[in-house]
């Protein structure tokens, strides 16, 4: 892999596809923020019995396995690509294939979290919610970056896109693992 700057992308049929407009991503970001806010409000009004909480806890862990597992797979392929062990097309195909498990896992975490009686006044819980919001917004950004990288499947990737992708992967891993850690700590109390 060469990490040289490219003045313009190669001409191909794929160039006809444009990345999702930024206004669409911004609207999705606002909707995601509203959904998280609504879930936080609902969590304070849902009173689940012990059986429902136990089921929610199981499905919460299952959603974590699905979402984080898919994110780890994409990031693993990205690391292999950086070391010249995979092609960019492999990462893009993997990322596209795993969109549903990633977003499904995140949605599952949000829904099941409603029934786990989160302490909305706890600084740890508020930090976790901030991480979940960061993961969500970063996921939208990473999807947009993936669309931009499609133009370079068989060409040198501009350094700025490499840096942006690295930052997005770092935010993703920090957010997912940070939320995991906080969830674990909250479950101990």
Protein backbone atom coordinates (compact mmCIF):
# COMPACT_ATOMS: atom_id res chain seq x y z
CA UNK A 1 0.00 0.00 0.00
CA UNK A 2 1.25 3.42 -0.91
CA UNK A 3 0.16 6.38 1.15
CA UNK A 4 0.77 9.12 -1.37
CA UNK A 5 -1.50 12.06 -1.89
CA UNK A 6 -3.65 11.86 -4.99
CA UNK A 7 -4.70 15.00 -6.80
CA UNK A 8 -7.84 13.50 -8.31
CA UNK A 9 -9.52 10.13 -8.11
CA UNK A 10 -9.37 7.71 -11.02
CA UNK A 11 -12.15 7.76 -13.61
CA UNK A 12 -14.51 4.80 -13.30
CA UNK A 13 -18.17 3.91 -13.23
CA UNK A 14 -18.03 4.06 -9.43
CA UNK A 15 -17.23 7.78 -9.59
CA UNK A 16 -20.82 8.37 -10.67
CA UNK A 17 -21.94 7.41 -7.15
CA UNK A 18 -21.74 10.34 -4.81
CA UNK A 19 -21.38 10.03 -1.07
CA UNK A 20 -24.47 10.73 0.98
CA UNK A 21 -24.93 14.51 1.12
CA UNK A 22 -23.72 16.07 4.35
CA UNK A 23 -27.15 17.53 5.03
CA UNK A 24 -28.58 13.98 5.10
CA UNK A 25 -25.90 12.91 7.57
CA UNK A 26 -26.61 15.99 9.68
CA UNK A 27 -30.35 15.18 9.67
CA UNK A 28 -29.60 11.58 10.67
CA UNK A 29 -27.34 12.90 13.43
CA UNK A 30 -30.14 15.12 14.76
CA UNK A 31 -32.62 12.22 14.58
CA UNK A 32 -30.15 9.93 16.35
CA UNK A 33 -29.61 12.51 19.08
CA UNK A 34 -33.38 12.88 19.46
CA UNK A 35 -33.80 9.09 19.66
CA UNK A 36 -31.16 8.84 22.39
CA UNK A 37 -32.75 11.72 24.28
CA UNK A 38 -36.17 10.09 23.98
CA UNK A 39 -34.75 6.77 25.19
CA UNK A 40 -33.23 8.50 28.22
CA UNK A 41 -36.57 10.08 29.05
CA UNK A 42 -38.40 6.77 28.58
CA UNK A 43 -35.88 4.89 30.75
CA UNK A 44 -36.90 7.07 33.66
CA UNK A 45 -40.55 6.13 33.17
CA UNK A 46 -40.24 2.39 32.46
CA UNK A 47 -40.49 0.19 35.52
CA UNK A 48 -39.57 -3.35 34.52
CA UNK A 49 -40.10 -6.27 36.86
CA UNK A 50 -37.23 -8.64 37.71
CA UNK A 51 -38.02 -11.10 34.90
CA UNK A 52 -38.10 -8.36 32.25
CA UNK A 53 -34.87 -6.87 33.59
CA UNK A 54 -33.18 -10.27 33.40
CA UNK A 55 -34.33 -10.74 29.80
CA UNK A 56 -33.27 -7.19 28.93
CA UNK A 57 -29.84 -7.79 30.47
CA UNK A 58 -29.36 -10.92 28.32
CA UNK A 59 -30.43 -9.17 25.12
CA UNK A 60 -28.32 -6.14 26.05
CA UNK A 61 -25.22 -8.35 26.20
CA UNK A 62 -26.27 -10.09 22.96
CA UNK A 63 -26.66 -6.73 21.20
CA UNK A 64 -23.22 -5.72 22.50
CA UNK A 65 -21.67 -8.90 21.10
CA UNK A 66 -23.30 -8.33 17.70
CA UNK A 67 -22.51 -4.60 17.42
CA UNK A 68 -19.01 -4.57 18.87
CA UNK A 69 -18.12 -7.83 17.14
CA UNK A 70 -19.04 -6.35 13.76
CA UNK A 71 -17.07 -3.17 14.51
CA UNK A 72 -14.04 -5.24 15.52
CA UNK A 73 -14.24 -7.23 12.28
CA UNK A 74 -14.22 -4.06 10.17
CA UNK A 75 -11.36 -2.56 12.17
CA UNK A 76 -9.38 -5.82 11.99
CA UNK A 77 -9.62 -5.82 8.19
CA UNK A 78 -8.60 -2.14 8.20
CA UNK A 79 -5.51 -2.96 10.28
CA UNK A 80 -4.62 -5.79 7.90
CA UNK A 81 -4.99 -3.38 4.99
CA UNK A 82 -2.68 -0.85 6.62
CA UNK A 83 -0.06 -3.61 6.92
CA UNK A 84 -0.51 -4.57 3.28
CA UNK A 85 -2.25 -7.87 4.06
CA UNK A 86 -5.63 -6.98 2.53
CA UNK A 87 -6.94 -4.82 -0.27
CA UNK A 88 -9.01 -1.70 0.35
CA UNK A 89 -11.87 -3.46 -1.45
CA UNK A 90 -11.83 -6.14 1.28
CA UNK A 91 -12.40 -3.52 4.00
CA UNK A 92 -15.09 -1.73 2.05
CA UNK A 93 -16.92 -4.98 1.30
CA UNK A 94 -16.67 -6.06 4.94
CA UNK A 95 -17.86 -2.67 6.21
CA UNK A 96 -20.80 -2.68 3.80
CA UNK A 97 -21.74 -6.24 4.74
CA UNK A 98 -21.59 -5.52 8.47
CA UNK A 99 -23.65 -2.31 8.47
CA UNK A 100 -26.79 -4.14 9.61
CA UNK A 101 -25.16 -5.95 12.56
CA UNK A 102 -23.39 -2.75 13.64
CA UNK A 103 -26.48 -0.56 13.58
CA UNK A 104 -28.73 -3.40 14.77
CA UNK A 105 -26.45 -4.01 17.75
CA UNK A 106 -26.42 -0.32 18.62
CA UNK A 107 -30.23 -0.12 18.32
CA UNK A 108 -30.57 -3.27 20.44
CA UNK A 109 -28.43 -1.70 23.14
CA UNK A 110 -30.59 1.40 23.13
CA UNK A 111 -33.88 -0.50 23.35
CA UNK A 112 -32.79 -3.02 25.97
CA UNK A 113 -31.17 -0.25 28.02
CA UNK A 114 -34.65 1.18 28.58
CA UNK A 115 -35.46 -1.77 30.86
CA UNK A 116 -32.26 -1.80 32.90
CA UNK A 117 -33.17 1.08 35.24
CA UNK A 118 -30.19 3.28 34.43
CA UNK A 119 -29.31 5.88 37.05
CA UNK A 120 -29.71 9.03 34.97
CA UNK A 121 -28.02 11.13 37.66
CA UNK A 122 -24.85 9.06 37.76
CA UNK A 123 -21.81 10.70 36.13
CA UNK A 124 -20.76 7.27 34.82
CA UNK A 125 -24.14 6.71 33.16
CA UNK A 126 -24.08 10.18 31.64
CA UNK A 127 -20.56 9.51 30.35
CA UNK A 128 -21.75 6.23 28.84
CA UNK A 129 -24.63 8.02 27.12
CA UNK A 130 -22.16 10.57 25.75
CA UNK A 131 -20.06 7.71 24.40
CA UNK A 132 -23.13 6.12 22.80
CA UNK A 133 -23.93 9.44 21.10
CA UNK A 134 -20.30 9.74 19.95
CA UNK A 135 -20.39 6.17 18.57
CA UNK A 136 -23.60 6.92 16.69
CA UNK A 137 -22.44 10.20 15.15
CA UNK A 138 -19.03 8.73 14.40
CA UNK A 139 -20.72 5.76 12.73
CA UNK A 140 -22.57 8.11 10.38
CA UNK A 141 -19.28 9.87 9.63
CA UNK A 142 -17.47 6.54 9.09
CA UNK A 143 -20.19 5.47 6.65
CA UNK A 144 -19.68 8.70 4.71
CA UNK A 145 -15.90 8.14 4.74
CA UNK A 146 -16.42 4.63 3.41
CA UNK A 147 -18.40 6.06 0.53
CA UNK A 148 -15.55 8.46 -0.24
CA UNK A 149 -13.01 5.62 -0.05
CA UNK A 150 -14.99 3.67 -2.67
CA UNK A 151 -13.46 5.98 -5.28
CA UNK A 152 -10.00 4.62 -4.41
CA UNK A 153 -10.66 0.86 -4.44
CA UNK A 154 -7.84 0.31 -6.91
CA UNK A 155 -5.82 3.47 -6.43
CA UNK A 156 -3.68 5.24 -3.87
CA UNK A 157 -5.72 6.65 -1.01
CA UNK A 158 -5.10 10.29 -0.14
CA UNK A 159 -3.35 10.74 3.18
CA UNK A 160 -6.14 12.97 4.51
CA UNK A 161 -8.65 10.12 4.05
CA UNK A 162 -6.28 7.72 5.79
CA UNK A 163 -5.99 10.11 8.73
CA UNK A 164 -9.75 10.70 8.84
CA UNK A 165 -10.35 6.94 8.77
CA UNK A 166 -7.84 6.39 11.56
CA UNK A 167 -9.49 9.03 13.72
CA UNK A 168 -12.93 7.53 13.06
CA UNK A 169 -11.67 4.05 14.00
CA UNK A 170 -10.07 5.42 17.18
CA UNK A 171 -13.26 7.23 18.21
CA UNK A 172 -15.25 4.07 17.48
CA UNK A 173 -13.02 1.76 19.52
CA UNK A 174 -12.74 4.24 22.39
CA UNK A 175 -16.50 4.75 22.47
CA UNK A 176 -17.48 1.07 22.27
CA UNK A 177 -14.93 -0.11 24.82
CA UNK A 178 -15.55 2.86 27.11
CA UNK A 179 -19.30 2.18 27.09
CA UNK A 180 -18.56 -1.52 27.78
CA UNK A 181 -16.39 -0.67 30.72
CA UNK A 182 -18.93 1.73 32.20
CA UNK A 183 -21.71 -0.82 31.68
CA UNK A 184 -19.65 -3.39 33.52
CA UNK A 185 -18.88 -0.97 36.36
CA UNK A 186 -22.56 0.02 36.64
CA UNK A 187 -23.59 -3.63 36.78
CA UNK A 188 -21.36 -4.15 39.84
CA UNK A 189 -23.24 -1.67 41.98
